[in-house]
N, C-alpha and C. Protein backbone atom coordinates (compact mmCIF):
# COMPACT_ATOMS: atom_id res chain seq x y z
N MET A 1 227.87 120.54 216.93
CA MET A 1 226.74 120.29 216.04
C MET A 1 225.62 119.57 216.80
N THR A 2 225.98 118.64 217.66
CA THR A 2 224.99 117.93 218.45
C THR A 2 224.26 118.89 219.38
N GLN A 3 225.01 119.89 219.92
CA GLN A 3 224.39 120.84 220.84
C GLN A 3 223.35 121.70 220.13
N LYS A 4 223.54 122.06 218.84
CA LYS A 4 222.56 122.84 218.10
C LYS A 4 221.32 122.01 217.78
N GLU A 5 221.46 120.72 217.51
CA GLU A 5 220.33 119.86 217.15
C GLU A 5 219.41 119.62 218.36
N LEU A 6 219.97 119.54 219.54
CA LEU A 6 219.15 119.27 220.73
C LEU A 6 218.12 120.37 220.96
N PRO A 7 218.48 121.64 220.97
CA PRO A 7 217.45 122.67 221.16
C PRO A 7 216.41 122.67 220.04
N HIS A 8 216.81 122.42 218.79
CA HIS A 8 215.86 122.36 217.69
C HIS A 8 214.91 121.17 217.87
N SER A 9 215.44 120.03 218.24
CA SER A 9 214.61 118.84 218.49
C SER A 9 213.66 119.08 219.66
N LEU A 10 214.17 119.75 220.66
CA LEU A 10 213.34 120.06 221.82
C LEU A 10 212.20 120.99 221.43
N LYS A 11 212.45 121.93 220.55
CA LYS A 11 211.40 122.83 220.06
C LYS A 11 210.32 122.04 219.32
N ILE A 12 210.74 121.13 218.47
CA ILE A 12 209.79 120.33 217.70
C ILE A 12 208.93 119.47 218.64
N VAL A 13 209.57 118.83 219.60
CA VAL A 13 208.83 118.01 220.57
C VAL A 13 207.85 118.87 221.35
N THR A 14 208.28 120.05 221.76
CA THR A 14 207.42 120.95 222.52
C THR A 14 206.21 121.39 221.69
N VAL A 15 206.42 121.71 220.44
CA VAL A 15 205.33 122.11 219.56
C VAL A 15 204.33 120.95 219.41
N TRP A 16 204.83 119.76 219.17
CA TRP A 16 203.93 118.60 219.01
C TRP A 16 203.19 118.28 220.30
N LEU A 17 203.84 118.42 221.43
CA LEU A 17 203.15 118.22 222.70
C LEU A 17 202.04 119.26 222.88
N GLY A 18 202.33 120.50 222.51
CA GLY A 18 201.32 121.56 222.60
C GLY A 18 200.13 121.30 221.69
N VAL A 19 200.40 120.88 220.46
CA VAL A 19 199.33 120.57 219.51
C VAL A 19 198.49 119.40 220.03
N THR A 20 199.15 118.37 220.54
CA THR A 20 198.45 117.21 221.08
C THR A 20 197.57 117.62 222.27
N LEU A 21 198.09 118.46 223.14
CA LEU A 21 197.33 118.94 224.28
C LEU A 21 196.10 119.73 223.83
N LEU A 22 196.26 120.60 222.84
CA LEU A 22 195.12 121.38 222.33
C LEU A 22 194.05 120.47 221.70
N VAL A 23 194.48 119.48 220.95
CA VAL A 23 193.52 118.54 220.36
C VAL A 23 192.78 117.77 221.46
N PHE A 24 193.52 117.31 222.46
CA PHE A 24 192.92 116.58 223.57
C PHE A 24 191.91 117.45 224.30
N LEU A 25 192.28 118.68 224.64
CA LEU A 25 191.37 119.58 225.35
C LEU A 25 190.15 119.93 224.50
N GLY A 26 190.36 120.10 223.21
CA GLY A 26 189.24 120.36 222.30
C GLY A 26 188.27 119.19 222.27
N PHE A 27 188.80 117.98 222.21
CA PHE A 27 187.95 116.78 222.21
C PHE A 27 187.19 116.67 223.53
N LYS A 28 187.87 116.92 224.64
CA LYS A 28 187.20 116.85 225.95
C LYS A 28 186.09 117.91 226.06
N GLY A 29 186.33 119.08 225.52
CA GLY A 29 185.30 120.12 225.52
C GLY A 29 184.10 119.72 224.68
N TRP A 30 184.36 119.16 223.51
CA TRP A 30 183.28 118.68 222.65
C TRP A 30 182.51 117.55 223.33
N GLU A 31 183.22 116.63 223.96
CA GLU A 31 182.60 115.52 224.67
C GLU A 31 181.70 116.04 225.80
N HIS A 32 182.19 117.02 226.54
CA HIS A 32 181.39 117.61 227.63
C HIS A 32 180.13 118.27 227.07
N GLN A 33 180.27 118.97 225.96
CA GLN A 33 179.12 119.62 225.34
C GLN A 33 178.10 118.58 224.88
N GLN A 34 178.56 117.46 224.33
CA GLN A 34 177.66 116.39 223.90
C GLN A 34 176.91 115.81 225.09
N GLN A 35 177.60 115.65 226.22
CA GLN A 35 176.95 115.12 227.42
C GLN A 35 175.91 116.10 227.94
N GLN A 36 176.21 117.39 227.90
CA GLN A 36 175.28 118.40 228.39
C GLN A 36 174.00 118.39 227.56
N ALA A 37 174.12 118.10 226.27
CA ALA A 37 172.98 118.17 225.37
C ALA A 37 172.10 116.92 225.45
N ARG A 38 172.45 115.92 226.25
CA ARG A 38 171.70 114.67 226.29
C ARG A 38 170.41 114.76 227.08
N ILE A 39 170.24 115.77 227.89
CA ILE A 39 169.04 115.89 228.72
C ILE A 39 168.44 117.29 228.58
N GLU A 40 167.12 117.32 228.42
CA GLU A 40 166.40 118.58 228.36
C GLU A 40 165.37 118.55 229.47
N LEU A 41 165.27 119.63 230.20
CA LEU A 41 164.25 119.76 231.23
C LEU A 41 163.19 120.69 230.67
N GLN A 42 162.07 120.10 230.27
CA GLN A 42 160.96 120.87 229.74
C GLN A 42 159.91 120.96 230.83
N GLU A 43 158.96 121.85 230.65
CA GLU A 43 157.92 122.03 231.66
C GLU A 43 157.16 120.71 231.86
N GLY A 44 157.35 120.13 233.04
CA GLY A 44 156.66 118.89 233.37
C GLY A 44 157.25 117.63 232.77
N ARG A 45 158.37 117.76 232.04
CA ARG A 45 158.96 116.58 231.40
C ARG A 45 160.48 116.61 231.46
N ILE A 46 161.05 115.42 231.45
CA ILE A 46 162.49 115.23 231.36
C ILE A 46 162.72 114.43 230.08
N VAL A 47 163.52 114.98 229.16
CA VAL A 47 163.74 114.33 227.88
C VAL A 47 165.21 113.95 227.74
N LEU A 48 165.45 112.66 227.55
CA LEU A 48 166.81 112.17 227.33
C LEU A 48 167.01 111.92 225.85
N GLN A 49 168.13 112.39 225.30
CA GLN A 49 168.49 112.13 223.92
C GLN A 49 169.34 110.88 223.85
N ARG A 50 169.14 110.07 222.82
CA ARG A 50 169.99 108.89 222.63
C ARG A 50 171.43 109.37 222.40
N ALA A 51 172.36 108.77 223.11
CA ALA A 51 173.78 109.14 223.00
C ALA A 51 174.40 108.49 221.76
N PRO A 52 175.57 108.96 221.36
CA PRO A 52 176.24 108.38 220.19
C PRO A 52 176.49 106.87 220.33
N ASP A 53 176.55 106.35 221.56
CA ASP A 53 176.76 104.91 221.74
C ASP A 53 175.46 104.11 221.57
N GLY A 54 174.34 104.81 221.26
CA GLY A 54 173.07 104.13 221.02
C GLY A 54 172.22 103.94 222.27
N HIS A 55 172.71 104.36 223.42
CA HIS A 55 171.99 104.18 224.68
C HIS A 55 171.52 105.52 225.22
N PHE A 56 170.63 105.44 226.21
CA PHE A 56 170.20 106.63 226.94
C PHE A 56 170.96 106.67 228.25
N HIS A 57 171.51 107.83 228.57
CA HIS A 57 172.25 108.03 229.81
C HIS A 57 171.54 109.11 230.63
N TRP A 58 171.65 108.97 231.95
CA TRP A 58 171.01 109.95 232.84
C TRP A 58 171.99 110.24 233.97
N ARG A 59 172.46 111.48 234.01
CA ARG A 59 173.41 111.88 235.06
C ARG A 59 172.70 111.99 236.40
N GLY A 60 173.42 111.62 237.44
CA GLY A 60 172.85 111.72 238.77
C GLY A 60 173.90 111.47 239.83
N ARG A 61 173.42 111.06 240.99
CA ARG A 61 174.30 110.82 242.14
C ARG A 61 173.83 109.59 242.90
N ILE A 62 174.79 108.90 243.47
CA ILE A 62 174.54 107.78 244.37
C ILE A 62 175.11 108.18 245.71
N ASN A 63 174.24 108.40 246.69
CA ASN A 63 174.69 108.89 248.01
C ASN A 63 175.63 110.08 247.87
N GLY A 64 175.35 110.96 246.90
CA GLY A 64 176.13 112.16 246.71
C GLY A 64 177.30 112.03 245.75
N VAL A 65 177.64 110.82 245.31
CA VAL A 65 178.75 110.59 244.38
C VAL A 65 178.22 110.64 242.95
N GLU A 66 178.84 111.46 242.11
CA GLU A 66 178.39 111.61 240.72
C GLU A 66 178.47 110.29 239.97
N ALA A 67 177.45 110.09 239.10
CA ALA A 67 177.41 108.88 238.28
C ALA A 67 176.69 109.18 236.98
N ASP A 68 177.06 108.48 235.93
CA ASP A 68 176.39 108.56 234.63
C ASP A 68 175.69 107.21 234.43
N PHE A 69 174.38 107.19 234.71
CA PHE A 69 173.61 105.96 234.66
C PHE A 69 173.25 105.60 233.23
N LEU A 70 173.25 104.32 232.94
CA LEU A 70 172.75 103.79 231.69
C LEU A 70 171.29 103.40 231.94
N VAL A 71 170.37 103.94 231.17
CA VAL A 71 168.95 103.63 231.34
C VAL A 71 168.70 102.26 230.73
N ASP A 72 168.22 101.32 231.55
CA ASP A 72 168.03 99.93 231.11
C ASP A 72 166.61 99.48 231.42
N THR A 73 165.70 99.73 230.48
CA THR A 73 164.30 99.36 230.69
C THR A 73 164.10 97.84 230.69
N GLY A 74 165.12 97.09 230.31
CA GLY A 74 165.04 95.64 230.34
C GLY A 74 165.51 95.04 231.65
N ALA A 75 166.01 95.87 232.55
CA ALA A 75 166.49 95.40 233.85
C ALA A 75 165.41 95.61 234.90
N SER A 76 165.16 94.60 235.70
CA SER A 76 164.13 94.74 236.73
C SER A 76 164.61 95.63 237.88
N GLY A 77 165.90 95.63 238.16
CA GLY A 77 166.42 96.42 239.27
C GLY A 77 167.61 97.27 238.88
N THR A 78 167.95 98.19 239.75
CA THR A 78 169.10 99.06 239.56
C THR A 78 170.36 98.33 240.02
N ALA A 79 171.42 98.42 239.22
CA ALA A 79 172.66 97.72 239.53
C ALA A 79 173.84 98.70 239.44
N LEU A 80 174.80 98.51 240.32
CA LEU A 80 175.95 99.41 240.40
C LEU A 80 177.25 98.62 240.32
N PRO A 81 178.28 99.22 239.71
CA PRO A 81 179.61 98.61 239.77
C PRO A 81 180.13 98.66 241.21
N GLU A 82 180.87 97.65 241.61
CA GLU A 82 181.34 97.58 242.99
C GLU A 82 182.22 98.77 243.38
N ALA A 83 183.11 99.19 242.49
CA ALA A 83 183.99 100.31 242.81
C ALA A 83 183.19 101.58 243.11
N LEU A 84 182.15 101.83 242.33
CA LEU A 84 181.31 103.01 242.54
C LEU A 84 180.51 102.87 243.84
N ALA A 85 180.00 101.67 244.11
CA ALA A 85 179.25 101.44 245.35
C ALA A 85 180.13 101.69 246.57
N ARG A 86 181.35 101.23 246.52
CA ARG A 86 182.26 101.45 247.65
C ARG A 86 182.59 102.94 247.80
N GLN A 87 182.80 103.61 246.68
CA GLN A 87 183.08 105.05 246.71
C GLN A 87 181.90 105.81 247.34
N ALA A 88 180.67 105.33 247.09
CA ALA A 88 179.48 105.96 247.64
C ALA A 88 179.19 105.52 249.07
N GLY A 89 180.04 104.66 249.61
CA GLY A 89 179.90 104.24 251.01
C GLY A 89 178.82 103.20 251.26
N LEU A 90 178.42 102.47 250.22
CA LEU A 90 177.39 101.45 250.41
C LEU A 90 177.95 100.25 251.17
N GLN A 91 177.11 99.68 252.01
CA GLN A 91 177.50 98.53 252.82
C GLN A 91 176.72 97.30 252.36
N PRO A 92 177.39 96.15 252.27
CA PRO A 92 176.69 94.92 251.86
C PRO A 92 175.61 94.54 252.88
N GLU A 93 174.45 94.14 252.36
CA GLU A 93 173.35 93.67 253.20
C GLU A 93 173.04 92.20 252.92
N GLY A 94 173.86 91.57 252.13
CA GLY A 94 173.66 90.15 251.80
C GLY A 94 174.13 89.85 250.40
N GLU A 95 174.46 88.59 250.18
CA GLU A 95 174.92 88.16 248.86
C GLU A 95 173.74 87.98 247.92
N VAL A 96 174.05 88.09 246.64
CA VAL A 96 173.03 87.91 245.61
C VAL A 96 173.69 87.27 244.38
N ARG A 97 172.92 86.47 243.69
CA ARG A 97 173.33 85.95 242.39
C ARG A 97 172.39 86.58 241.39
N SER A 98 172.96 87.09 240.31
CA SER A 98 172.16 87.81 239.34
C SER A 98 172.39 87.24 237.94
N GLN A 99 171.30 87.08 237.20
CA GLN A 99 171.40 86.61 235.82
C GLN A 99 171.56 87.84 234.92
N THR A 100 172.67 87.91 234.22
CA THR A 100 172.93 89.03 233.31
C THR A 100 173.06 88.48 231.89
N ALA A 101 173.22 89.38 230.94
CA ALA A 101 173.42 88.96 229.56
C ALA A 101 174.68 88.11 229.43
N GLY A 102 175.66 88.32 230.34
CA GLY A 102 176.90 87.57 230.32
C GLY A 102 176.86 86.28 231.13
N GLY A 103 175.72 85.98 231.73
CA GLY A 103 175.60 84.77 232.54
C GLY A 103 175.34 85.08 234.00
N LEU A 104 175.48 84.07 234.84
CA LEU A 104 175.24 84.20 236.27
C LEU A 104 176.45 84.85 236.95
N VAL A 105 176.19 85.89 237.75
CA VAL A 105 177.27 86.57 238.47
C VAL A 105 176.89 86.70 239.94
N LYS A 106 177.92 86.78 240.79
CA LYS A 106 177.71 86.98 242.22
C LYS A 106 177.97 88.44 242.57
N GLY A 107 177.19 88.93 243.49
CA GLY A 107 177.36 90.29 243.96
C GLY A 107 176.76 90.43 245.34
N TRP A 108 176.35 91.64 245.69
CA TRP A 108 175.73 91.86 246.98
C TRP A 108 174.64 92.91 246.87
N ARG A 109 173.73 92.89 247.82
CA ARG A 109 172.62 93.83 247.89
C ARG A 109 172.97 94.96 248.85
N SER A 110 172.42 96.12 248.55
CA SER A 110 172.59 97.26 249.44
C SER A 110 171.42 98.20 249.21
N ARG A 111 171.48 99.35 249.83
CA ARG A 111 170.47 100.40 249.63
C ARG A 111 171.22 101.71 249.39
N ALA A 112 170.65 102.52 248.49
CA ALA A 112 171.30 103.78 248.14
C ALA A 112 170.26 104.86 247.90
N THR A 113 170.67 106.09 248.09
CA THR A 113 169.84 107.23 247.70
C THR A 113 170.31 107.64 246.31
N ILE A 114 169.40 107.54 245.35
CA ILE A 114 169.69 107.87 243.96
C ILE A 114 169.00 109.19 243.65
N THR A 115 169.76 110.15 243.13
CA THR A 115 169.22 111.44 242.72
C THR A 115 169.59 111.63 241.25
N LEU A 116 168.61 111.92 240.42
CA LEU A 116 168.83 112.10 238.98
C LEU A 116 168.54 113.53 238.57
N GLU A 117 169.20 113.99 237.51
CA GLU A 117 168.91 115.33 236.98
C GLU A 117 167.43 115.42 236.67
N GLY A 118 166.84 116.55 236.97
CA GLY A 118 165.42 116.75 236.72
C GLY A 118 164.56 116.57 237.95
N GLY A 119 165.21 116.27 239.09
CA GLY A 119 164.46 116.19 240.34
C GLY A 119 163.96 114.81 240.72
N VAL A 120 164.40 113.77 240.03
CA VAL A 120 163.99 112.42 240.39
C VAL A 120 164.88 111.94 241.54
N ARG A 121 164.23 111.38 242.57
CA ARG A 121 164.99 110.94 243.75
C ARG A 121 164.34 109.69 244.34
N ALA A 122 165.16 108.76 244.74
CA ALA A 122 164.69 107.55 245.42
C ALA A 122 165.57 107.34 246.65
N GLU A 123 164.96 107.30 247.80
CA GLU A 123 165.67 107.11 249.07
C GLU A 123 165.75 105.62 249.39
N ARG A 124 166.90 105.20 249.84
CA ARG A 124 167.11 103.82 250.28
C ARG A 124 166.61 102.79 249.27
N LEU A 125 166.86 103.06 248.01
CA LEU A 125 166.47 102.14 246.94
C LEU A 125 167.31 100.87 247.02
N PRO A 126 166.68 99.69 247.02
CA PRO A 126 167.46 98.46 246.99
C PRO A 126 168.23 98.38 245.67
N VAL A 127 169.52 98.12 245.75
CA VAL A 127 170.37 98.01 244.56
C VAL A 127 171.19 96.73 244.63
N THR A 128 171.57 96.25 243.45
CA THR A 128 172.46 95.11 243.35
C THR A 128 173.83 95.64 242.97
N VAL A 129 174.85 95.19 243.67
CA VAL A 129 176.22 95.62 243.40
C VAL A 129 176.96 94.44 242.77
N LEU A 130 177.52 94.67 241.56
CA LEU A 130 178.19 93.61 240.81
C LEU A 130 179.64 94.00 240.54
N PRO A 131 180.59 93.12 240.89
CA PRO A 131 182.01 93.46 240.75
C PRO A 131 182.45 93.76 239.31
N GLU A 132 181.90 93.08 238.33
CA GLU A 132 182.37 93.23 236.95
C GLU A 132 181.55 94.21 236.12
N LEU A 133 180.56 94.85 236.71
CA LEU A 133 179.72 95.80 235.98
C LEU A 133 180.55 97.04 235.64
N HIS A 134 180.40 97.54 234.41
CA HIS A 134 181.21 98.68 233.97
C HIS A 134 180.54 100.04 234.18
N ALA A 135 179.21 100.06 234.22
CA ALA A 135 178.50 101.33 234.39
C ALA A 135 177.25 101.09 235.23
N PRO A 136 176.82 102.09 236.00
CA PRO A 136 175.59 101.92 236.78
C PRO A 136 174.38 101.84 235.85
N LEU A 137 173.47 100.92 236.17
CA LEU A 137 172.27 100.71 235.36
C LEU A 137 171.03 101.12 236.15
N LEU A 138 170.18 101.94 235.54
CA LEU A 138 168.89 102.28 236.13
C LEU A 138 167.88 101.26 235.65
N GLY A 139 167.27 100.53 236.57
CA GLY A 139 166.30 99.51 236.21
C GLY A 139 164.87 99.97 236.42
N MET A 140 163.95 99.07 236.14
CA MET A 140 162.53 99.39 236.24
C MET A 140 162.05 99.62 237.66
N ASP A 141 162.84 99.20 238.66
CA ASP A 141 162.45 99.50 240.04
C ASP A 141 162.34 101.00 240.26
N LEU A 142 163.15 101.79 239.57
CA LEU A 142 163.08 103.25 239.64
C LEU A 142 162.33 103.83 238.44
N LEU A 143 162.66 103.37 237.24
CA LEU A 143 162.04 103.91 236.03
C LEU A 143 160.54 103.65 235.99
N GLY A 144 160.10 102.52 236.54
CA GLY A 144 158.70 102.16 236.52
C GLY A 144 157.82 103.03 237.41
N ARG A 145 158.43 103.86 238.22
CA ARG A 145 157.67 104.78 239.06
C ARG A 145 157.18 106.00 238.29
N MET A 146 157.66 106.13 237.04
CA MET A 146 157.33 107.29 236.23
C MET A 146 156.67 106.85 234.92
N GLN A 147 155.89 107.73 234.35
CA GLN A 147 155.34 107.52 233.02
C GLN A 147 156.43 107.92 232.02
N PHE A 148 156.66 107.07 231.01
CA PHE A 148 157.65 107.45 230.00
C PHE A 148 157.27 106.88 228.65
N SER A 149 157.82 107.51 227.61
CA SER A 149 157.61 107.04 226.24
C SER A 149 158.89 107.27 225.45
N GLN A 150 159.04 106.51 224.37
CA GLN A 150 160.23 106.63 223.53
C GLN A 150 159.81 106.87 222.10
N SER A 151 160.45 107.84 221.45
CA SER A 151 160.15 108.15 220.07
C SER A 151 161.30 108.93 219.46
N GLN A 152 161.71 108.55 218.27
CA GLN A 152 162.71 109.29 217.48
C GLN A 152 163.97 109.63 218.26
N GLY A 153 164.54 108.65 218.96
CA GLY A 153 165.78 108.86 219.68
C GLY A 153 165.65 109.68 220.94
N ARG A 154 164.43 109.79 221.43
CA ARG A 154 164.18 110.56 222.66
C ARG A 154 163.39 109.69 223.62
N LEU A 155 163.77 109.72 224.88
CA LEU A 155 163.08 109.03 225.95
C LEU A 155 162.51 110.12 226.86
N THR A 156 161.19 110.21 226.94
CA THR A 156 160.53 111.30 227.64
C THR A 156 159.86 110.77 228.91
N PHE A 157 160.20 111.38 230.03
CA PHE A 157 159.62 111.04 231.35
C PHE A 157 158.77 112.19 231.81
N GLU A 158 157.64 111.86 232.41
CA GLU A 158 156.85 112.88 233.07
C GLU A 158 157.57 113.20 234.38
N ALA A 159 157.85 114.46 234.63
CA ALA A 159 158.59 114.87 235.82
C ALA A 159 157.79 114.54 237.08
N PRO A 160 158.49 114.15 238.15
CA PRO A 160 157.79 113.81 239.40
C PRO A 160 157.17 115.04 240.05
């Protein structure tokens, strides 16, 4: 009797694992589609849609390494998480102390080539690398080089 229950239990577990996998893959597909829809490249303009988390995100690369930047018009400079900076091969050029919303933090300065969707590029941009930062932040050192406006959940940049 125990031998008959094991194959039946195994079937049930297999079915539930399959259903869970399909739900997971469906969610990941939906999430990818939502990310794709966050940026529109219009003639002469780059339009970012506000994401479900309430922020504007801009996909790009740091020295060729993919990154999903958080657009931070309140930040004077661009800041990167340490793990991402190391993955991109950035080298420390000196220590820095930075005032953040969470207080004073220590990090280091470096330079990076930042490339954003829509053709925006900055070579050897000075960046601050912070160990506890969770996502890369685009600051006004890069954003201020472009004309932009915000309206109705859209952040519109004039293309370079």
